[in-house]
Amino acid sequence: MSAFDLPWLVADIGGTNARFGLVTSPQARPSNVAVLAGSAYATLPDAVDAYLAEHAGGARPGAACLALAGPIDGDRYRLTNSAWAGSVRDLGIPYAVLLNDFEALAVSLPHLEGGDLVSLGGPEPSHGVKAVLGPGTGLGVGGLVPTDRGWTPIPGEGGHVTVPVIDRREQEIVRVLQAGGLTHVVAEHLLSGPGLVRLHRALAQVNGVAAPDLTASDIVARLDDSLCAETVEVFCEMLGGFAGNVALTLGARGGVYLGGGVLPRIVERVRASGFRARFVGNPDMPRYLEAIATTLIVAPQPALTGAAAWLRQRATTELVG
């Protein structure tokens, strides 16, 4: 039984792609999943209409949960890395709610298992506070807190904190970026898909070598190239330091989970990198961090799972109320 008419629309809207799915029963996983290029549509309602018409058989959802890569203000949104902005009410769906994309990813965590996850070191995740972060078009951060009413997600914009650097090479990379016009270098400037490209160019300057213009996909596909390999290693190490900072800030003793579009492409490289060593490398709190699991999410559309779980919980609340 559901308080909302089925089917439900779920979405994960990033700066590059918009992912959609339908939930046809309260306990079902999203189906009819499709990925649309955001640049092909002027507005979010245009993309929703195209999905429903072309991939969902013209379905008319009774409820929707949309996870977006940017801050949410009630019914209004503005994507951080896209021109899309407006109100969820513009969709014309009877019940529609917005979540930050990493808020939705956080909600998905209790529903992921087995092949959805790959360990990056540490013990098994526990029931405590969890953190989730990940590089994609941007750098998302969120949290999940256990309460007597279940799990409560914590949205945030942690990707925009000042970039964590600790050694001379990383300091030189930041100086190169500052000389190029980024006077205040934040974590997302390096720990994202575009950041990987920026890191590759800056590292070439630091090393005094020429570098071709490569995309993030090119860089992770050319790990036999010494500069690309070094770029990915520095990326993983800095991400480990950033993840450790997030763990300490949230008290995430229940585990730190990594998502986003970049890392699932290079799972083994991340596992073999200095990520975990940097994660636990804080000189004041090494034992605290060593006791925290680090886990990579490899499920194909986890934010859609989180959006569906959010609607399921709200539907149950409405029925009880």
Protein backbone atom coordinates (compact mmCIF):
# COMPACT_ATOMS: atom_id res chain seq x y z
CA MET A 1 0.00 0.00 0.00
CA SER A 2 1.21 3.54 -0.74
CA ALA A 3 0.10 7.03 0.19
CA PHE A 4 1.13 8.24 -3.28
CA ASP A 5 -0.20 7.11 -6.63
CA LEU A 6 2.19 4.89 -8.54
CA PRO A 7 4.42 4.95 -10.44
CA TRP A 8 6.97 7.18 -8.76
CA LEU A 9 9.60 9.14 -10.67
CA VAL A 10 13.13 9.15 -9.26
CA ALA A 11 16.04 11.12 -10.65
CA ASP A 12 19.70 11.90 -10.09
CA ILE A 13 20.50 15.21 -11.78
CA GLY A 14 24.18 16.09 -12.15
CA GLY A 15 26.04 18.82 -13.96
CA THR A 16 26.55 16.60 -17.02
CA ASN A 17 23.90 13.86 -17.01
CA ALA A 18 20.32 13.44 -15.80
CA ARG A 19 19.47 9.89 -14.70
CA PHE A 20 15.84 8.84 -14.38
CA GLY A 21 13.91 5.78 -13.28
CA LEU A 22 10.40 4.61 -12.39
CA VAL A 23 9.33 2.86 -9.19
CA THR A 24 6.31 0.69 -9.99
CA SER A 25 5.66 -0.69 -6.49
CA PRO A 26 6.79 0.57 -3.05
CA GLN A 27 9.38 -2.19 -2.56
CA ALA A 28 10.65 -2.29 -6.16
CA ARG A 29 14.01 -1.02 -7.32
CA PRO A 30 13.93 1.67 -10.03
CA SER A 31 13.22 0.37 -13.54
CA ASN A 32 13.15 1.98 -17.00
CA VAL A 33 16.44 3.65 -16.07
CA ALA A 34 17.74 6.08 -18.68
CA VAL A 35 20.60 8.58 -18.76
CA LEU A 36 20.00 11.83 -20.66
CA ALA A 37 22.62 14.45 -21.50
CA GLY A 38 21.74 17.61 -19.60
CA SER A 39 23.08 19.82 -22.38
CA ALA A 40 20.38 18.50 -24.74
CA TYR A 41 17.59 20.16 -22.74
CA ALA A 42 17.02 23.80 -21.86
CA THR A 43 15.33 23.05 -18.53
CA LEU A 44 14.80 20.23 -16.07
CA PRO A 45 11.05 19.97 -16.91
CA ASP A 46 12.04 19.50 -20.56
CA ALA A 47 14.29 16.60 -19.61
CA VAL A 48 11.60 15.04 -17.39
CA ASP A 49 9.03 15.29 -20.18
CA ALA A 50 11.45 13.68 -22.64
CA TYR A 51 12.21 10.82 -20.25
CA LEU A 52 8.54 10.08 -19.54
CA ALA A 53 7.62 10.20 -23.23
CA GLU A 54 10.60 8.31 -24.66
CA HIS A 55 11.63 5.89 -21.90
CA ALA A 56 8.63 5.44 -19.60
CA GLY A 57 5.77 4.88 -22.01
CA GLY A 58 4.15 8.22 -21.26
CA ALA A 59 3.72 7.38 -17.56
CA ARG A 60 2.13 10.02 -15.30
CA PRO A 61 3.88 9.77 -11.91
CA GLY A 62 1.94 10.37 -8.73
CA ALA A 63 5.09 11.28 -6.82
CA ALA A 64 8.70 12.17 -7.53
CA CYS A 65 11.98 12.49 -5.68
CA LEU A 66 14.72 14.30 -7.56
CA ALA A 67 18.30 14.38 -6.31
CA LEU A 68 20.22 17.37 -7.67
CA ALA A 69 23.88 18.37 -7.60
CA GLY A 70 23.50 21.69 -5.86
CA PRO A 71 21.95 23.40 -2.86
CA ILE A 72 18.21 22.99 -2.26
CA ASP A 73 16.00 25.74 -0.83
CA GLY A 74 12.56 24.28 -0.18
CA ASP A 75 10.96 23.61 -3.56
CA ARG A 76 13.64 25.56 -5.44
CA TYR A 77 16.97 24.41 -6.89
CA ARG A 78 19.96 25.75 -8.78
CA LEU A 79 22.52 23.27 -10.05
CA THR A 80 26.11 24.10 -9.18
CA ASN A 81 27.57 23.03 -12.54
CA SER A 82 24.62 23.63 -14.86
CA ALA A 83 22.29 26.47 -15.83
CA TRP A 84 19.21 24.54 -14.71
CA ALA A 85 17.28 26.34 -11.97
CA GLY A 86 13.65 26.63 -10.91
CA SER A 87 10.98 25.01 -8.74
CA VAL A 88 10.07 21.35 -8.50
CA ARG A 89 6.46 22.49 -8.72
CA ASP A 90 7.07 23.25 -12.40
CA LEU A 91 7.00 19.50 -13.06
CA GLY A 92 3.26 19.29 -12.40
CA ILE A 93 3.60 16.08 -10.34
CA PRO A 94 1.18 15.86 -7.37
CA TYR A 95 3.86 15.13 -4.76
CA ALA A 96 7.43 16.10 -5.61
CA VAL A 97 10.43 16.63 -3.36
CA LEU A 98 14.04 17.70 -3.91
CA LEU A 99 17.15 16.28 -2.31
CA ASN A 100 20.78 17.19 -2.67
CA ASP A 101 22.36 14.42 -4.77
CA PHE A 102 24.67 13.30 -1.99
CA GLU A 103 21.80 13.43 0.48
CA ALA A 104 20.08 10.85 -1.74
CA LEU A 105 23.30 8.85 -2.03
CA ALA A 106 23.53 8.85 1.77
CA VAL A 107 19.96 7.51 2.04
CA SER A 108 20.92 4.65 -0.29
CA LEU A 109 23.71 3.34 1.96
CA PRO A 110 21.63 0.95 4.14
CA HIS A 111 20.15 -0.51 0.93
CA LEU A 112 23.47 -1.34 -0.77
CA GLU A 113 25.04 -4.75 -0.33
CA GLY A 114 27.25 -7.42 -1.86
CA GLY A 115 28.41 -6.48 -5.34
CA ASP A 116 27.28 -2.88 -4.85
CA LEU A 117 30.34 -2.21 -2.67
CA VAL A 118 34.14 -2.68 -2.75
CA SER A 119 36.29 -2.33 0.37
CA LEU A 120 39.10 0.25 0.29
CA GLY A 121 40.45 -0.79 3.68
CA GLY A 122 39.61 -0.91 7.33
CA PRO A 123 37.08 -3.01 9.26
CA GLU A 124 33.53 -3.82 8.21
CA PRO A 125 31.25 -0.75 8.25
CA SER A 126 29.26 -0.39 11.48
CA HIS A 127 25.92 1.14 12.46
CA GLY A 128 27.25 4.56 13.44
CA VAL A 129 27.28 7.87 11.61
CA LYS A 130 28.26 7.42 7.97
CA ALA A 131 29.81 9.82 5.48
CA VAL A 132 29.57 9.70 1.70
CA LEU A 133 31.61 11.69 -0.79
CA GLY A 134 32.68 11.43 -4.37
CA PRO A 135 34.18 13.10 -7.41
CA GLY A 136 32.06 13.51 -10.53
CA THR A 137 31.36 16.75 -12.39
CA GLY A 138 31.79 18.27 -8.92
CA LEU A 139 32.77 16.92 -5.49
CA GLY A 140 29.78 15.92 -3.37
CA VAL A 141 29.66 15.33 0.38
CA GLY A 142 26.86 14.10 2.63
CA GLY A 143 26.24 12.22 5.85
CA LEU A 144 23.80 9.74 7.38
CA VAL A 145 22.91 9.69 11.08
CA PRO A 146 21.10 6.87 12.90
CA THR A 147 18.16 8.06 15.04
CA ASP A 148 15.31 6.38 16.92
CA ARG A 149 13.18 7.01 13.80
CA GLY A 150 15.62 5.47 11.37
CA TRP A 151 18.33 7.10 9.27
CA THR A 152 18.49 10.88 8.75
CA PRO A 153 20.58 12.27 5.86
CA ILE A 154 22.75 15.38 6.20
CA PRO A 155 23.26 17.44 3.03
CA GLY A 156 26.28 19.69 2.65
CA GLU A 157 28.61 21.50 0.28
CA GLY A 158 31.86 20.08 1.64
CA GLY A 159 33.42 19.89 -1.80
CA HIS A 160 33.97 23.64 -1.63
CA VAL A 161 36.25 23.63 1.42
CA THR A 162 39.83 24.72 0.86
CA VAL A 163 41.86 22.00 -0.85
CA PRO A 164 43.86 19.80 1.58
CA VAL A 165 47.56 19.77 0.71
CA ILE A 166 50.42 18.45 2.85
CA ASP A 167 53.58 17.97 0.77
CA ARG A 168 55.75 20.09 -1.49
CA ARG A 169 54.43 18.60 -4.74
CA GLU A 170 50.83 19.37 -3.80
CA GLN A 171 51.79 22.87 -2.70
CA GLU A 172 53.44 23.46 -6.07
CA ILE A 173 50.30 22.23 -7.86
CA VAL A 174 48.22 24.75 -5.92
CA ARG A 175 50.68 27.54 -6.73
CA VAL A 176 50.39 26.72 -10.45
CA LEU A 177 46.58 26.94 -10.22
CA GLN A 178 46.76 30.21 -8.31
CA ALA A 179 49.11 31.66 -10.92
CA GLY A 180 46.54 30.64 -13.52
CA GLY A 181 43.78 32.63 -11.83
CA LEU A 182 42.34 30.36 -9.13
CA THR A 183 43.24 32.55 -6.18
CA HIS A 184 41.37 30.31 -3.71
CA VAL A 185 41.73 26.65 -4.65
CA VAL A 186 38.97 24.49 -3.19
CA ALA A 187 38.84 20.69 -3.07
CA GLU A 188 36.46 20.42 -6.02
CA HIS A 189 38.95 22.24 -8.25
CA LEU A 190 41.17 19.13 -8.11
CA LEU A 191 39.02 16.28 -6.78
CA SER A 192 36.46 15.97 -9.58
CA GLY A 193 36.35 14.97 -13.23
CA PRO A 194 37.28 18.49 -14.41
CA GLY A 195 39.71 18.62 -11.47
CA LEU A 196 41.53 15.55 -12.76
CA VAL A 197 42.14 17.42 -16.03
CA ARG A 198 43.27 20.49 -14.11
CA LEU A 199 45.57 18.36 -11.94
CA HIS A 200 47.14 16.72 -15.02
CA ARG A 201 47.99 20.09 -16.56
CA ALA A 202 49.32 21.55 -13.32
CA LEU A 203 51.44 18.49 -12.57
CA ALA A 204 52.97 18.73 -16.05
CA GLN A 205 54.04 22.31 -15.25
CA VAL A 206 55.43 21.26 -11.87
CA ASN A 207 57.43 18.48 -13.54
CA GLY A 208 58.54 20.76 -16.39
CA VAL A 209 57.13 18.53 -19.13
CA ALA A 210 54.72 19.03 -21.99
CA ALA A 211 51.31 17.43 -21.72
CA PRO A 212 48.63 16.89 -24.37
CA ASP A 213 45.10 18.09 -23.73
CA LEU A 214 43.31 15.06 -22.31
CA THR A 215 39.86 14.49 -20.87
CA ALA A 216 39.35 12.81 -17.51
CA SER A 217 38.37 9.63 -19.35
CA ASP A 218 41.61 9.82 -21.38
CA ILE A 219 43.70 10.21 -18.25
CA VAL A 220 42.26 7.19 -16.42
CA ALA A 221 42.54 5.12 -19.61
CA ARG A 222 46.24 5.90 -20.14
CA LEU A 223 47.81 4.69 -16.92
CA ASP A 224 50.76 3.31 -18.88
CA ASP A 225 51.71 6.97 -19.43
CA SER A 226 53.87 8.16 -16.54
CA LEU A 227 52.22 11.58 -16.21
CA CYS A 228 48.71 10.12 -16.29
CA ALA A 229 49.71 7.50 -13.72
CA GLU A 230 51.21 10.15 -11.44
CA THR A 231 48.12 12.33 -11.87
CA VAL A 232 45.81 9.53 -10.76
CA GLU A 233 48.06 8.66 -7.82
CA VAL A 234 48.15 12.27 -6.58
CA PHE A 235 44.38 12.44 -7.10
CA CYS A 236 43.82 9.33 -4.95
CA GLU A 237 46.18 10.48 -2.23
CA MET A 238 44.58 13.91 -1.95
CA LEU A 239 41.14 12.31 -1.99
CA GLY A 240 42.22 10.09 0.90
CA GLY A 241 43.25 13.14 2.91
CA PHE A 242 39.99 14.86 2.09
CA ALA A 243 37.99 11.76 3.07
CA GLY A 244 39.85 11.62 6.38
CA ASN A 245 38.93 15.24 7.05
CA VAL A 246 35.26 14.48 6.33
CA ALA A 247 35.38 11.45 8.65
CA LEU A 248 36.79 13.53 11.47
CA THR A 249 34.36 16.40 10.90
CA LEU A 250 31.23 14.20 10.94
CA GLY A 251 32.51 11.63 13.42
CA ALA A 252 31.78 9.02 10.75
CA ARG A 253 32.69 5.92 12.73
CA GLY A 254 30.07 3.93 10.82
CA GLY A 255 32.12 4.20 7.64
CA VAL A 256 33.13 6.49 4.81
CA TYR A 257 31.66 5.64 1.41
CA LEU A 258 32.93 6.92 -1.93
CA GLY A 259 30.69 7.41 -4.95
CA GLY A 260 30.63 9.68 -7.98
CA GLY A 261 31.37 8.99 -11.61
CA VAL A 262 35.19 8.85 -11.57
CA LEU A 263 36.26 6.17 -9.09
CA PRO A 264 34.23 3.15 -10.33
CA ARG A 265 36.25 3.34 -13.56
CA ILE A 266 39.55 2.77 -11.71
CA VAL A 267 38.62 0.50 -8.80
CA GLU A 268 41.84 -1.50 -8.66
CA ARG A 269 43.97 1.60 -9.13
CA VAL A 270 42.28 3.25 -6.15
CA ARG A 271 42.77 0.13 -4.03
CA ALA A 272 46.48 0.00 -4.93
CA SER A 273 47.02 3.74 -4.41
CA GLY A 274 47.98 5.73 -1.35
CA PHE A 275 44.32 6.55 -0.65
CA ARG A 276 43.99 4.54 2.56
CA ALA A 277 47.43 5.52 3.89
CA ARG A 278 46.54 9.19 3.44
CA PHE A 279 43.09 8.62 4.96
CA VAL A 280 44.58 7.35 8.22
CA GLY A 281 47.63 9.63 8.05
CA ASN A 282 46.40 12.42 10.34
CA PRO A 283 49.16 12.59 12.98
CA ASP A 284 46.76 13.43 15.83
CA MET A 285 44.02 10.84 15.16
CA PRO A 286 45.49 7.78 13.41
CA ARG A 287 43.85 5.16 15.64
CA TYR A 288 40.46 6.85 15.32
CA LEU A 289 40.73 6.78 11.52
CA GLU A 290 42.17 3.25 11.35
CA ALA A 291 38.94 1.99 12.94
CA ILE A 292 36.80 3.52 10.16
CA ALA A 293 35.89 1.50 7.07
CA THR A 294 36.41 3.07 3.65
CA THR A 295 34.18 1.62 0.94
CA LEU A 296 33.71 2.33 -2.76
CA ILE A 297 30.18 2.30 -4.18
CA VAL A 298 30.12 0.52 -7.54
CA ALA A 299 26.32 0.11 -7.87
CA PRO A 300 25.28 1.65 -11.23
CA GLN A 301 22.63 4.16 -10.02
CA PRO A 302 22.78 4.34 -6.20
CA ALA A 303 21.21 7.82 -5.92
CA LEU A 304 18.09 6.47 -7.64
CA THR A 305 17.95 3.76 -4.97
CA GLY A 306 18.22 6.47 -2.32
CA ALA A 307 15.48 8.58 -3.92
CA ALA A 308 13.20 5.55 -4.03
CA ALA A 309 13.93 4.77 -0.37
CA TRP A 310 13.12 8.38 0.53
CA LEU A 311 9.73 8.19 -1.20
CA ARG A 312 9.01 4.82 0.42
CA GLN A 313 9.70 6.28 3.85
CA ARG A 314 7.55 9.36 3.15
CA ALA A 315 4.71 7.24 1.79
CA THR A 316 4.72 5.15 4.96
CA THR A 317 4.74 8.30 7.10
CA GLU A 318 1.76 9.72 5.22
CA LEU A 319 -0.19 6.49 5.72
CA VAL A 320 0.59 6.37 9.44
CA GLY A 321 -0.24 10.08 9.79
